[in-house]
Amino acid sequence: MQKIFCMLIFFFITFATASSTLPVLDLSKKNKNIGKSILYIEDKSAKMDFSQIKNLPNDAFKPLNKDVDS
C-alpha cells in the first residue's frame, strides 16, 4: 500500500511540473513582437535605485502598448 501511495505522489509531482513549464522559444523566427507584453515604470525624479523599483507593487508599472520586436 505504501509503494502505491509513493508512486501516486511521484506521478502527481511529475505531471504538475510538466504542465507548468514555459513554452519553448522558437528560434526559427528572426524577431518576435514583445511590445504588448512589456510593462514599464518612469522615474521622473531619476533618484530610484534598482531595489526601490523591484519593491514597487505590480500596479505601479504601465503596459507599453506598442509594437516592439525583440
Foldseek 3Di string as FASTA:
>chain_A
DVVVVVVVVVVVVVVVVVVPDDDDDDPVDPKDWCQQVDWAADDPVPPDDPVVVVPDDPVRTHRRPDTDID
